[in-house]
Amino acid sequence: MNRRGLSLLEMLLAIGITSIIGAAIASMMAAATNSLSANDDGRQSAIRLATTQVRLGAYIAPSFCILDKGDSFLTLWTEDSRESDTVHASEVRWIQFDREKKELNVLFVDFPDDWSQAMIDAVDIECTSMTNYESLLTELRSDDVVDSISLVDAMASCSFWTNNTEPLDATRVCIRFSFETSFGKTTDSIVDETIRIHHQPSEQQ
């Protein structure tokens, strides 16, 4: 039998074919990795969407009414802890979208444990129809009695809509928002929530 080694041309062909196969495999692996990443990112967005709906619903649905609203914030009367049928500062929740931090936060009054009841009463003012709730929040912050909780992070945008231009009369809230992901900004999602038992404070009825 006549045995001979590979010619230079055959070696070059073999190397070329191997390179083509290697490149194809690498391309397939990259596509598979991107697909898995996209699926994983989609799952994370779905989880955040569900989380946003649940957490917003936990504040909006049981609230008595909406006290104030802007494009990026919602102010709620959530309870009547003093049983006065009027709004007090400690019964208010401010839900605000922080564009810089890309967070949706809820702010509330949290009095220090070492405060006396007289000190609490002095700050926990009763609100009226003339109350500016943004100014009230600023004043409470200056008294260092405001705390906050982040409801949702990595939000690219967030805006609020209600079914009545007068906040006190509104019973339905629509929140339109999007998320920041590793693949960029998601398409807008919408969450609708309804105040189950609508009740205005007696001073404003």
N, C-alpha and C. Protein backbone atom coordinates (compact mmCIF):
# COMPACT_ATOMS: atom_id res chain seq x y z
N MET A 1 0.85 -1.19 0.00
CA MET A 1 0.00 0.00 0.00
C MET A 1 0.89 1.24 0.00
N ASN A 2 0.46 2.19 -0.81
CA ASN A 2 1.23 3.44 -0.90
C ASN A 2 0.73 4.43 0.14
N ARG A 3 1.48 4.66 1.18
CA ARG A 3 1.10 5.60 2.24
C ARG A 3 1.82 6.92 2.01
N ARG A 4 1.11 7.99 2.23
CA ARG A 4 1.75 9.30 2.12
C ARG A 4 1.12 10.25 3.13
N GLY A 5 1.81 11.29 3.48
CA GLY A 5 1.29 12.28 4.41
C GLY A 5 0.34 13.23 3.72
N LEU A 6 -0.32 14.07 4.54
CA LEU A 6 -1.23 15.08 3.99
C LEU A 6 -0.43 16.14 3.25
N SER A 7 -0.95 16.50 2.13
CA SER A 7 -0.30 17.59 1.39
C SER A 7 -0.61 18.91 2.06
N LEU A 8 0.11 19.93 1.70
CA LEU A 8 -0.11 21.26 2.27
C LEU A 8 -1.52 21.73 1.99
N LEU A 9 -2.00 21.46 0.77
CA LEU A 9 -3.35 21.88 0.41
C LEU A 9 -4.39 21.19 1.27
N GLU A 10 -4.22 19.89 1.51
CA GLU A 10 -5.17 19.14 2.34
C GLU A 10 -5.17 19.65 3.78
N MET A 11 -3.98 19.98 4.27
CA MET A 11 -3.88 20.51 5.63
C MET A 11 -4.59 21.85 5.76
N LEU A 12 -4.40 22.70 4.72
CA LEU A 12 -5.07 24.00 4.75
C LEU A 12 -6.59 23.85 4.69
N LEU A 13 -7.05 22.90 3.86
CA LEU A 13 -8.48 22.64 3.77
C LEU A 13 -9.04 22.13 5.09
N ALA A 14 -8.30 21.22 5.72
CA ALA A 14 -8.74 20.66 7.00
C ALA A 14 -8.83 21.75 8.07
N ILE A 15 -7.81 22.62 8.09
CA ILE A 15 -7.81 23.72 9.07
C ILE A 15 -8.97 24.67 8.80
N GLY A 16 -9.21 24.95 7.50
CA GLY A 16 -10.31 25.84 7.14
C GLY A 16 -11.66 25.29 7.54
N ILE A 17 -11.88 24.01 7.27
CA ILE A 17 -13.15 23.37 7.63
C ILE A 17 -13.34 23.36 9.14
N THR A 18 -12.26 23.04 9.87
CA THR A 18 -12.32 23.02 11.34
C THR A 18 -12.68 24.41 11.88
N SER A 19 -12.08 25.45 11.27
CA SER A 19 -12.35 26.83 11.71
C SER A 19 -13.81 27.19 11.47
N ILE A 20 -14.33 26.79 10.29
CA ILE A 20 -15.73 27.09 9.96
C ILE A 20 -16.67 26.40 10.95
N ILE A 21 -16.38 25.13 11.23
CA ILE A 21 -17.21 24.38 12.19
C ILE A 21 -17.13 25.01 13.57
N GLY A 22 -15.91 25.40 13.98
CA GLY A 22 -15.74 26.05 15.29
C GLY A 22 -16.51 27.35 15.40
N ALA A 23 -16.46 28.16 14.32
CA ALA A 23 -17.18 29.43 14.31
C ALA A 23 -18.69 29.21 14.39
N ALA A 24 -19.16 28.18 13.67
CA ALA A 24 -20.59 27.87 13.70
C ALA A 24 -21.03 27.45 15.09
N ILE A 25 -20.23 26.61 15.73
CA ILE A 25 -20.55 26.17 17.10
C ILE A 25 -20.56 27.36 18.05
N ALA A 26 -19.54 28.24 17.91
CA ALA A 26 -19.47 29.41 18.77
C ALA A 26 -20.70 30.31 18.58
N SER A 27 -21.12 30.47 17.32
CA SER A 27 -22.30 31.29 17.02
C SER A 27 -23.55 30.68 17.64
N MET A 28 -23.67 29.35 17.53
CA MET A 28 -24.83 28.66 18.12
C MET A 28 -24.84 28.80 19.63
N MET A 29 -23.66 28.68 20.24
CA MET A 29 -23.57 28.81 21.70
C MET A 29 -23.95 30.24 22.14
N ALA A 30 -23.48 31.25 21.38
CA ALA A 30 -23.80 32.64 21.72
C ALA A 30 -25.29 32.89 21.59
N ALA A 31 -25.89 32.34 20.52
CA ALA A 31 -27.33 32.51 20.33
C ALA A 31 -28.12 31.86 21.45
N ALA A 32 -27.67 30.66 21.84
CA ALA A 32 -28.35 29.95 22.93
C ALA A 32 -28.23 30.72 24.23
N THR A 33 -27.03 31.28 24.48
CA THR A 33 -26.81 32.06 25.71
C THR A 33 -27.68 33.31 25.72
N ASN A 34 -27.74 34.01 24.57
CA ASN A 34 -28.57 35.21 24.48
C ASN A 34 -30.05 34.88 24.67
N SER A 35 -30.46 33.74 24.12
CA SER A 35 -31.85 33.32 24.27
C SER A 35 -32.18 33.04 25.73
N LEU A 36 -31.26 32.35 26.40
CA LEU A 36 -31.47 32.05 27.82
C LEU A 36 -31.50 33.34 28.64
N SER A 37 -30.58 34.28 28.30
CA SER A 37 -30.55 35.56 29.01
C SER A 37 -31.83 36.34 28.80
N ALA A 38 -32.31 36.34 27.55
CA ALA A 38 -33.55 37.05 27.24
C ALA A 38 -34.73 36.44 27.98
N ASN A 39 -34.79 35.11 28.00
CA ASN A 39 -35.87 34.43 28.72
C ASN A 39 -35.81 34.73 30.20
N ASP A 40 -34.57 34.73 30.74
CA ASP A 40 -34.40 35.01 32.16
C ASP A 40 -34.80 36.45 32.47
N ASP A 41 -34.41 37.39 31.58
CA ASP A 41 -34.77 38.78 31.76
C ASP A 41 -36.28 38.97 31.67
N GLY A 42 -36.91 38.21 30.76
CA GLY A 42 -38.36 38.27 30.65
C GLY A 42 -39.05 37.77 31.89
N ARG A 43 -38.52 36.71 32.48
CA ARG A 43 -39.09 36.18 33.72
C ARG A 43 -38.96 37.20 34.85
N GLN A 44 -37.79 37.86 34.92
CA GLN A 44 -37.59 38.85 35.97
C GLN A 44 -38.57 40.01 35.82
N SER A 45 -38.80 40.45 34.57
CA SER A 45 -39.75 41.54 34.34
C SER A 45 -41.16 41.13 34.72
N ALA A 46 -41.51 39.87 34.42
CA ALA A 46 -42.84 39.36 34.78
C ALA A 46 -43.01 39.33 36.29
N ILE A 47 -41.96 38.93 36.99
CA ILE A 47 -42.01 38.88 38.46
C ILE A 47 -42.15 40.28 39.03
N ARG A 48 -41.40 41.24 38.47
CA ARG A 48 -41.48 42.61 38.95
C ARG A 48 -42.85 43.23 38.65
N LEU A 49 -43.43 42.87 37.52
CA LEU A 49 -44.77 43.35 37.19
C LEU A 49 -45.78 42.85 38.21
N ALA A 50 -45.71 41.56 38.53
CA ALA A 50 -46.63 40.99 39.52
C ALA A 50 -46.40 41.61 40.90
N THR A 51 -45.13 41.83 41.24
CA THR A 51 -44.80 42.44 42.53
C THR A 51 -45.35 43.85 42.62
N THR A 52 -45.20 44.61 41.53
CA THR A 52 -45.72 45.98 41.49
C THR A 52 -47.22 46.00 41.70
N GLN A 53 -47.93 45.10 41.03
CA GLN A 53 -49.40 45.05 41.13
C GLN A 53 -49.83 44.71 42.56
N VAL A 54 -49.18 43.73 43.15
CA VAL A 54 -49.55 43.31 44.51
C VAL A 54 -49.27 44.41 45.53
N ARG A 55 -48.10 45.01 45.45
CA ARG A 55 -47.71 46.01 46.44
C ARG A 55 -48.53 47.29 46.32
N LEU A 56 -48.79 47.73 45.10
CA LEU A 56 -49.64 48.91 44.93
C LEU A 56 -51.07 48.62 45.39
N GLY A 57 -51.56 47.44 45.06
CA GLY A 57 -52.90 47.06 45.47
C GLY A 57 -53.05 47.03 46.98
N ALA A 58 -51.98 46.65 47.67
CA ALA A 58 -52.03 46.57 49.14
C ALA A 58 -52.23 47.95 49.77
N TYR A 59 -51.83 49.00 49.07
CA TYR A 59 -52.02 50.36 49.59
C TYR A 59 -53.29 51.01 49.05
N ILE A 60 -53.54 50.84 47.76
CA ILE A 60 -54.65 51.57 47.13
C ILE A 60 -56.01 50.97 47.48
N ALA A 61 -56.17 49.66 47.32
CA ALA A 61 -57.48 49.02 47.48
C ALA A 61 -58.13 49.28 48.84
N PRO A 62 -57.41 49.14 49.97
CA PRO A 62 -58.07 49.34 51.27
C PRO A 62 -58.11 50.81 51.73
N SER A 63 -57.55 51.73 50.95
CA SER A 63 -57.55 53.14 51.35
C SER A 63 -58.97 53.72 51.35
N PHE A 64 -59.15 54.78 52.11
CA PHE A 64 -60.44 55.46 52.14
C PHE A 64 -60.62 56.33 50.89
N CYS A 65 -59.58 57.09 50.55
CA CYS A 65 -59.69 57.97 49.39
C CYS A 65 -58.32 58.49 48.99
N ILE A 66 -58.31 59.17 47.83
CA ILE A 66 -57.10 59.81 47.34
C ILE A 66 -57.14 61.28 47.76
N LEU A 67 -56.09 61.73 48.39
CA LEU A 67 -56.04 63.11 48.87
C LEU A 67 -55.41 64.06 47.86
N ASP A 68 -54.46 63.54 47.11
CA ASP A 68 -53.76 64.38 46.13
C ASP A 68 -53.14 63.48 45.07
N LYS A 69 -52.93 64.04 43.88
CA LYS A 69 -52.34 63.24 42.80
C LYS A 69 -51.58 64.13 41.83
N GLY A 70 -50.46 63.61 41.35
CA GLY A 70 -49.70 64.26 40.30
C GLY A 70 -49.28 63.21 39.30
N ASP A 71 -48.55 63.61 38.28
CA ASP A 71 -48.12 62.64 37.27
C ASP A 71 -47.27 61.52 37.86
N SER A 72 -46.47 61.86 38.86
CA SER A 72 -45.54 60.86 39.40
C SER A 72 -45.75 60.56 40.88
N PHE A 73 -46.90 60.96 41.44
CA PHE A 73 -47.15 60.68 42.86
C PHE A 73 -48.64 60.51 43.13
N LEU A 74 -48.91 59.84 44.25
CA LEU A 74 -50.28 59.60 44.69
C LEU A 74 -50.28 59.69 46.22
N THR A 75 -51.21 60.45 46.77
CA THR A 75 -51.30 60.62 48.23
C THR A 75 -52.61 60.03 48.71
N LEU A 76 -52.51 59.10 49.66
CA LEU A 76 -53.68 58.33 50.10
C LEU A 76 -53.99 58.54 51.58
N TRP A 77 -55.29 58.53 51.89
CA TRP A 77 -55.73 58.42 53.29
C TRP A 77 -55.99 56.94 53.52
N THR A 78 -55.14 56.30 54.29
CA THR A 78 -55.18 54.84 54.39
C THR A 78 -55.93 54.30 55.60
N GLU A 79 -56.10 55.12 56.64
CA GLU A 79 -56.78 54.63 57.84
C GLU A 79 -57.27 55.80 58.68
N ASP A 80 -58.15 55.50 59.60
CA ASP A 80 -58.65 56.51 60.54
C ASP A 80 -58.30 56.02 61.95
N SER A 81 -57.01 55.98 62.23
CA SER A 81 -56.53 55.42 63.50
C SER A 81 -56.99 56.21 64.71
N ARG A 82 -57.26 57.50 64.54
CA ARG A 82 -57.74 58.33 65.65
C ARG A 82 -59.26 58.32 65.76
N GLU A 83 -59.91 57.64 64.82
CA GLU A 83 -61.38 57.51 64.82
C GLU A 83 -62.06 58.87 64.90
N SER A 84 -61.53 59.80 64.16
CA SER A 84 -62.08 61.16 64.16
C SER A 84 -62.84 61.46 62.87
N ASP A 85 -62.75 60.56 61.90
CA ASP A 85 -63.31 60.75 60.57
C ASP A 85 -62.71 61.96 59.87
N THR A 86 -61.50 62.31 60.31
CA THR A 86 -60.72 63.36 59.66
C THR A 86 -59.31 62.82 59.42
N VAL A 87 -58.60 63.48 58.53
CA VAL A 87 -57.26 63.01 58.16
C VAL A 87 -56.22 63.60 59.11
N HIS A 88 -55.35 62.75 59.63
CA HIS A 88 -54.19 63.18 60.39
C HIS A 88 -52.93 62.76 59.64
N ALA A 89 -51.85 63.47 59.88
CA ALA A 89 -50.61 63.24 59.13
C ALA A 89 -50.15 61.79 59.18
N SER A 90 -50.31 61.15 60.34
CA SER A 90 -49.85 59.76 60.50
C SER A 90 -50.70 58.76 59.73
N GLU A 91 -51.84 59.21 59.20
CA GLU A 91 -52.74 58.32 58.46
C GLU A 91 -52.57 58.43 56.94
N VAL A 92 -51.60 59.24 56.54
CA VAL A 92 -51.37 59.51 55.12
C VAL A 92 -50.20 58.67 54.60
N ARG A 93 -50.33 58.23 53.35
CA ARG A 93 -49.22 57.55 52.67
C ARG A 93 -48.96 58.27 51.35
N TRP A 94 -47.70 58.62 51.14
CA TRP A 94 -47.28 59.28 49.91
C TRP A 94 -46.56 58.24 49.03
N ILE A 95 -47.14 57.92 47.89
CA ILE A 95 -46.50 57.01 46.95
C ILE A 95 -45.88 57.86 45.85
N GLN A 96 -44.55 57.76 45.71
CA GLN A 96 -43.84 58.67 44.80
C GLN A 96 -42.84 57.91 43.94
N PHE A 97 -42.72 58.35 42.68
CA PHE A 97 -41.71 57.79 41.78
C PHE A 97 -40.48 58.69 41.81
N ASP A 98 -39.35 58.11 42.19
CA ASP A 98 -38.08 58.82 42.24
C ASP A 98 -37.35 58.58 40.92
N ARG A 99 -37.35 59.58 40.04
CA ARG A 99 -36.75 59.41 38.70
C ARG A 99 -35.25 59.18 38.77
N GLU A 100 -34.57 59.84 39.72
CA GLU A 100 -33.12 59.71 39.82
C GLU A 100 -32.72 58.31 40.27
N LYS A 101 -33.39 57.80 41.30
CA LYS A 101 -33.07 56.47 41.81
C LYS A 101 -33.82 55.36 41.07
N LYS A 102 -34.78 55.78 40.21
CA LYS A 102 -35.60 54.83 39.45
C LYS A 102 -36.32 53.86 40.40
N GLU A 103 -36.92 54.44 41.44
CA GLU A 103 -37.63 53.65 42.45
C GLU A 103 -39.03 54.20 42.67
N LEU A 104 -39.94 53.30 43.02
CA LEU A 104 -41.27 53.69 43.46
C LEU A 104 -41.30 53.48 44.96
N ASN A 105 -41.48 54.56 45.70
CA ASN A 105 -41.38 54.51 47.17
C ASN A 105 -42.70 54.91 47.82
N VAL A 106 -42.91 54.40 49.02
CA VAL A 106 -44.02 54.86 49.85
C VAL A 106 -43.42 55.53 51.07
N LEU A 107 -43.89 56.74 51.37
CA LEU A 107 -43.40 57.51 52.51
C LEU A 107 -44.51 57.62 53.54
N PHE A 108 -44.12 57.62 54.81
CA PHE A 108 -45.10 57.65 55.89
C PHE A 108 -44.47 58.23 57.14
N VAL A 109 -45.34 58.64 58.07
CA VAL A 109 -44.88 59.21 59.33
C VAL A 109 -44.52 58.08 60.30
N ASP A 110 -43.35 58.22 60.92
CA ASP A 110 -42.90 57.23 61.91
C ASP A 110 -42.30 57.99 63.09
N PHE A 111 -43.10 58.12 64.16
CA PHE A 111 -42.65 58.88 65.32
C PHE A 111 -41.61 58.09 66.12
N PRO A 112 -40.59 58.78 66.66
CA PRO A 112 -39.59 58.10 67.49
C PRO A 112 -40.23 57.42 68.70
N ASP A 113 -39.67 56.31 69.10
CA ASP A 113 -40.22 55.54 70.23
C ASP A 113 -40.18 56.31 71.53
N ASP A 114 -39.22 57.22 71.66
CA ASP A 114 -39.08 57.93 72.93
C ASP A 114 -39.92 59.22 73.00
N TRP A 115 -40.75 59.46 71.98
CA TRP A 115 -41.61 60.65 72.01
C TRP A 115 -42.80 60.43 72.93
N SER A 116 -43.17 61.47 73.65
CA SER A 116 -44.37 61.41 74.48
C SER A 116 -45.60 61.60 73.60
N GLN A 117 -46.78 61.28 74.16
CA GLN A 117 -48.01 61.46 73.39
C GLN A 117 -48.24 62.93 73.06
N ALA A 118 -47.84 63.80 73.96
CA ALA A 118 -47.99 65.25 73.72
C ALA A 118 -47.14 65.69 72.53
N MET A 119 -45.93 65.14 72.42
CA MET A 119 -45.05 65.48 71.30
C MET A 119 -45.63 64.96 69.99
N ILE A 120 -46.20 63.76 70.05
CA ILE A 120 -46.81 63.17 68.86
C ILE A 120 -48.01 64.00 68.42
N ASP A 121 -48.85 64.37 69.37
CA ASP A 121 -50.06 65.14 69.06
C ASP A 121 -49.71 66.49 68.43
N ALA A 122 -48.60 67.07 68.84
CA ALA A 122 -48.20 68.38 68.34
C ALA A 122 -47.81 68.31 66.85
N VAL A 123 -47.27 67.17 66.44
CA VAL A 123 -46.81 67.02 65.05
C VAL A 123 -47.86 66.34 64.17
N ASP A 124 -48.65 65.46 64.78
CA ASP A 124 -49.65 64.71 64.02
C ASP A 124 -50.88 65.57 63.78
N ILE A 125 -50.72 66.57 62.94
CA ILE A 125 -51.76 67.59 62.76
C ILE A 125 -52.97 67.03 62.01
N GLU A 126 -54.11 67.65 62.26
CA GLU A 126 -55.33 67.31 61.54
C GLU A 126 -55.37 68.11 60.24
N CYS A 127 -55.60 67.43 59.15
CA CYS A 127 -55.61 68.07 57.83
C CYS A 127 -57.00 68.58 57.48
N THR A 128 -57.04 69.55 56.59
CA THR A 128 -58.31 70.13 56.13
C THR A 128 -58.31 70.16 54.60
N SER A 129 -59.37 70.71 54.05
CA SER A 129 -59.47 70.82 52.60
C SER A 129 -58.43 71.77 52.03
N MET A 130 -57.83 72.60 52.90
CA MET A 130 -56.81 73.56 52.47
C MET A 130 -55.39 72.99 52.58
N THR A 131 -55.25 71.80 53.10
CA THR A 131 -53.92 71.22 53.31
C THR A 131 -53.21 70.93 51.99
N ASN A 132 -51.97 71.39 51.91
CA ASN A 132 -51.10 71.04 50.78
C ASN A 132 -50.24 69.87 51.24
N TYR A 133 -50.50 68.70 50.70
CA TYR A 133 -49.86 67.49 51.22
C TYR A 133 -48.38 67.38 50.86
N GLU A 134 -47.97 68.05 49.81
CA GLU A 134 -46.54 68.07 49.50
C GLU A 134 -45.80 68.97 50.50
N SER A 135 -46.41 70.09 50.84
CA SER A 135 -45.81 70.98 51.84
C SER A 135 -45.80 70.30 53.21
N LEU A 136 -46.88 69.57 53.50
CA LEU A 136 -46.94 68.85 54.77
C LEU A 136 -45.82 67.82 54.85
N LEU A 137 -45.57 67.12 53.77
CA LEU A 137 -44.49 66.13 53.75
C LEU A 137 -43.14 66.80 53.99
N THR A 138 -42.94 67.95 53.39
CA THR A 138 -41.69 68.69 53.58
C THR A 138 -41.51 69.08 55.04
N GLU A 139 -42.59 69.54 55.66
CA GLU A 139 -42.53 69.93 57.08
C GLU A 139 -42.23 68.73 57.96
N LEU A 140 -42.86 67.62 57.67
CA LEU A 140 -42.63 66.41 58.47
C LEU A 140 -41.20 65.91 58.31
N ARG A 141 -40.67 66.07 57.12
CA ARG A 141 -39.27 65.68 56.90
C ARG A 141 -38.33 66.56 57.72
N SER A 142 -38.67 67.82 57.81
CA SER A 142 -37.83 68.73 58.60
C SER A 142 -37.88 68.36 60.08
N ASP A 143 -38.98 67.74 60.51
CA ASP A 143 -39.10 67.26 61.89
C ASP A 143 -38.47 65.86 62.06
N ASP A 144 -37.96 65.32 60.95
CA ASP A 144 -37.29 64.01 60.96
C ASP A 144 -38.21 62.90 61.46
N VAL A 145 -39.45 62.90 60.97
CA VAL A 145 -40.40 61.86 61.37
C VAL A 145 -40.95 61.10 60.16
N VAL A 146 -40.26 61.19 59.03
CA VAL A 146 -40.71 60.51 57.81
C VAL A 146 -39.77 59.35 57.49
N ASP A 147 -40.37 58.21 57.23
CA ASP A 147 -39.61 57.03 56.81
C ASP A 147 -40.15 56.60 55.45
N SER A 148 -39.44 55.71 54.79
CA SER A 148 -39.88 55.27 53.46
C SER A 148 -39.54 53.81 53.22
N ILE A 149 -40.28 53.21 52.31
CA ILE A 149 -40.04 51.82 51.88
C ILE A 149 -40.05 51.81 50.36
N SER A 150 -39.09 51.13 49.78
CA SER A 150 -39.06 50.99 48.33
C SER A 150 -40.01 49.87 47.92
N LEU A 151 -41.00 50.23 47.10
CA LEU A 151 -41.95 49.22 46.62
C LEU A 151 -41.40 48.46 45.42
N VAL A 152 -40.82 49.20 44.47
CA VAL A 152 -40.29 48.60 43.25
C VAL A 152 -39.04 49.37 42.83
N ASP A 153 -38.00 48.65 42.38
CA ASP A 153 -36.81 49.33 41.89
C ASP A 153 -36.64 49.08 40.39
N ALA A 154 -35.60 49.66 39.83
CA ALA A 154 -35.27 49.53 38.40
C ALA A 154 -36.45 49.92 37.50
N MET A 155 -37.16 50.98 37.90
CA MET A 155 -38.27 51.48 37.07
C MET A 155 -37.75 52.57 36.14
N ALA A 156 -38.05 52.44 34.87
CA ALA A 156 -37.62 53.44 33.90
C ALA A 156 -38.58 54.62 33.86
N SER A 157 -39.87 54.34 34.08
CA SER A 157 -40.88 55.40 34.06
C SER A 157 -42.07 54.97 34.90
N CYS A 158 -42.84 55.96 35.36
CA CYS A 158 -44.05 55.65 36.13
C CYS A 158 -44.94 56.89 36.16
N SER A 159 -46.21 56.71 35.86
CA SER A 159 -47.16 57.83 35.90
C SER A 159 -48.50 57.32 36.42
N PHE A 160 -49.27 58.23 37.03
CA PHE A 160 -50.55 57.89 37.64
C PHE A 160 -51.70 58.59 36.93
N TRP A 161 -52.81 57.90 36.83
CA TRP A 161 -54.04 58.45 36.27
C TRP A 161 -55.20 58.04 37.17
N THR A 162 -56.18 58.92 37.33
CA THR A 162 -57.37 58.58 38.11
C THR A 162 -58.62 58.85 37.27
N ASN A 163 -59.73 58.26 37.69
CA ASN A 163 -60.96 58.38 36.91
C ASN A 163 -61.75 59.64 37.22
N ASN A 164 -61.14 60.55 37.98
CA ASN A 164 -61.77 61.84 38.25
C ASN A 164 -60.68 62.88 38.46
N THR A 165 -60.86 64.04 37.88
CA THR A 165 -59.84 65.08 38.03
C THR A 165 -59.74 65.60 39.46
N GLU A 166 -60.81 65.44 40.22
CA GLU A 166 -60.80 65.81 41.64
C GLU A 166 -60.36 64.57 42.43
N PRO A 167 -59.17 64.59 43.03
CA PRO A 167 -58.65 63.40 43.71
C PRO A 167 -59.60 62.78 44.73
N LEU A 168 -60.27 63.61 45.52
CA LEU A 168 -61.16 63.09 46.57
C LEU A 168 -62.32 62.27 46.00
N ASP A 169 -62.72 62.59 44.78
CA ASP A 169 -63.85 61.89 44.16
C ASP A 169 -63.42 60.67 43.35
N ALA A 170 -62.14 60.51 43.14
CA ALA A 170 -61.65 59.39 42.33
C ALA A 170 -61.74 58.07 43.10
N THR A 171 -62.07 57.02 42.38
CA THR A 171 -62.17 55.69 42.99
C THR A 171 -61.30 54.66 42.28
N ARG A 172 -60.73 55.04 41.16
CA ARG A 172 -59.92 54.11 40.37
C ARG A 172 -58.60 54.76 40.01
N VAL A 173 -57.53 53.98 40.12
CA VAL A 173 -56.18 54.46 39.81
C VAL A 173 -55.56 53.57 38.74
N CYS A 174 -54.97 54.20 37.75
CA CYS A 174 -54.25 53.48 36.69
C CYS A 174 -52.78 53.90 36.78
N ILE A 175 -51.90 52.92 36.87
CA ILE A 175 -50.46 53.19 36.94
C ILE A 175 -49.81 52.64 35.69
N ARG A 176 -49.17 53.52 34.94
CA ARG A 176 -48.46 53.13 33.70
C ARG A 176 -46.96 53.21 33.97
N PHE A 177 -46.24 52.14 33.71
CA PHE A 177 -44.81 52.13 34.06
C PHE A 177 -44.03 51.18 33.16
N SER A 178 -42.70 51.34 33.21
CA SER A 178 -41.80 50.46 32.48
C SER A 178 -40.58 50.17 33.35
N PHE A 179 -39.83 49.13 32.99
CA PHE A 179 -38.67 48.73 33.77
C PHE A 179 -37.37 48.91 32.97
N GLU A 180 -36.28 49.07 33.72
CA GLU A 180 -34.94 49.03 33.13
C GLU A 180 -34.44 47.59 33.21
N THR A 181 -33.97 47.05 32.08
CA THR A 181 -33.42 45.69 32.07
C THR A 181 -32.07 45.71 31.36
N SER A 182 -31.40 44.58 31.38
CA SER A 182 -30.11 44.47 30.70
C SER A 182 -30.25 44.60 29.20
N PHE A 183 -31.48 44.46 28.68
CA PHE A 183 -31.74 44.59 27.26
C PHE A 183 -32.37 45.95 26.93
N GLY A 184 -32.39 46.85 27.91
CA GLY A 184 -32.96 48.17 27.70
C GLY A 184 -34.31 48.33 28.40
N LYS A 185 -35.03 49.36 28.02
CA LYS A 185 -36.31 49.68 28.63
C LYS A 185 -37.40 48.76 28.09
N THR A 186 -38.24 48.25 28.99
CA THR A 186 -39.34 47.39 28.58
C THR A 186 -40.48 48.23 28.02
N THR A 187 -41.41 47.58 27.35
CA THR A 187 -42.62 48.27 26.92
C THR A 187 -43.45 48.61 28.17
N ASP A 188 -44.31 49.60 28.03
CA ASP A 188 -45.11 50.04 29.18
C ASP A 188 -46.09 48.96 29.62
N SER A 189 -46.24 48.85 30.94
CA SER A 189 -47.25 47.98 31.54
C SER A 189 -48.25 48.85 32.27
N ILE A 190 -49.45 48.35 32.47
CA ILE A 190 -50.50 49.11 33.15
C ILE A 190 -51.12 48.27 34.26
N VAL A 191 -51.25 48.87 35.42
CA VAL A 191 -51.91 48.24 36.55
C VAL A 191 -53.10 49.11 36.94
N ASP A 192 -54.28 48.50 37.06
CA ASP A 192 -55.49 49.21 37.50
C ASP A 192 -55.87 48.74 38.89
N GLU A 193 -56.15 49.70 39.76
CA GLU A 193 -56.60 49.37 41.11
C GLU A 193 -57.79 50.23 41.47
N THR A 194 -58.70 49.66 42.23
CA THR A 194 -59.92 50.37 42.65
C THR A 194 -59.98 50.44 44.17
N ILE A 195 -60.36 51.62 44.68
CA ILE A 195 -60.59 51.77 46.11
C ILE A 195 -61.90 51.05 46.44
N ARG A 196 -61.84 50.04 47.29
CA ARG A 196 -63.00 49.17 47.51
C ARG A 196 -64.13 49.87 48.25
N ILE A 197 -63.78 50.56 49.33
CA ILE A 197 -64.81 51.27 50.11
C ILE A 197 -64.42 52.74 50.14
N HIS A 198 -64.97 53.49 49.21
CA HIS A 198 -64.59 54.90 49.09
C HIS A 198 -65.27 55.74 50.17
N HIS A 199 -64.45 56.51 50.90
CA HIS A 199 -65.00 57.33 51.99
C HIS A 199 -64.15 58.57 52.13
N GLN A 200 -64.78 59.74 52.03
CA GLN A 200 -64.09 61.00 52.20
C GLN A 200 -64.12 61.42 53.67
N PRO A 201 -63.10 62.16 54.12
CA PRO A 201 -63.13 62.67 55.49
C PRO A 201 -64.32 63.60 55.70
N SER A 202 -64.89 63.60 56.88
CA SER A 202 -66.12 64.35 57.15
C SER A 202 -65.96 65.84 56.87
N GLU A 203 -64.80 66.40 57.11
CA GLU A 203 -64.57 67.82 56.91
C GLU A 203 -64.65 68.19 55.43
N GLN A 204 -64.46 67.17 54.56
CA GLN A 204 -64.41 67.46 53.13
C GLN A 204 -65.57 66.83 52.35
N GLN A 205 -66.56 66.33 53.05
CA GLN A 205 -67.71 65.72 52.38
C GLN A 205 -68.69 66.79 51.92
